[in-house]
Amino acid sequence: MSGKAAVLAAVCLLCAGTSDVVHVHPERGASVPVSLERVARAQEGIAARFARALDAAAAFRADRPYDSGLPACPARRIRRVRMSLPPELVGRSISFAPEGGFAPAALRVATSARSPLSLGADALAERALTERLDVRCRPTLARVLSEVELELVEGP
C-alpha cells in the first residue's frame, strides 16, 4: 500500500472508531398494510404486459417484409393540418411511400418494404409517426411549412 493510501486508511479507521452517532431515519408518513394478494395480482399484470410486448418485438423481424397497413390514396388531395412541430423540421419535407416510390424529400419513410435490411429509406412508417403527422394513405408528401402547420399532399 502506498504512503497516501495508508494515511487515508488510518484516518478513515480513526474517524470510524470514535463515532458514537446513531443514524436516525426520519418518518416517511403513515404506514399502510400490504396485501400480498394485490402485490401478486400486480406482478401478474406486469408479467402479462411484458409478455405481450416481447411477442410484438419478436414478431418484427428484419428479414421479413414490412407493411405499415396504410391504404393507397384514392386520389390526389392537398390538406393543411395545424399541429406543433419541431423547429428543426421547418422547411423540410417527408415522403411516405412504398419502398422505391419516394418523392424527392429530405426524409424518406417506407410504408412497405420487401426487407427492412435492404431498405432505401430513412425510417419505417410506424403507427405512432403516421398518427402524429396525420398521414392517412400512401404515397403522401408532408411539407413542414412552420412550427404549427403541415401540408400533406396525398395521392399519385
Foldseek 3Di string as FASTA:
>chain_A
DDPVVVVVVVVVVVVVVPDPDDDDDDDPDDDDDDDVVVVVVVVVVVVVVVVVVVVVVVVDDQQAKDAQPAAADPAKDKDKAWDAADQVQAQFKEWEAAAPPTDDTPFYEHRIDRGNVPGPGDYHDHPVNCVRQVPRHPGWMWHRNGRTMIMITHHD
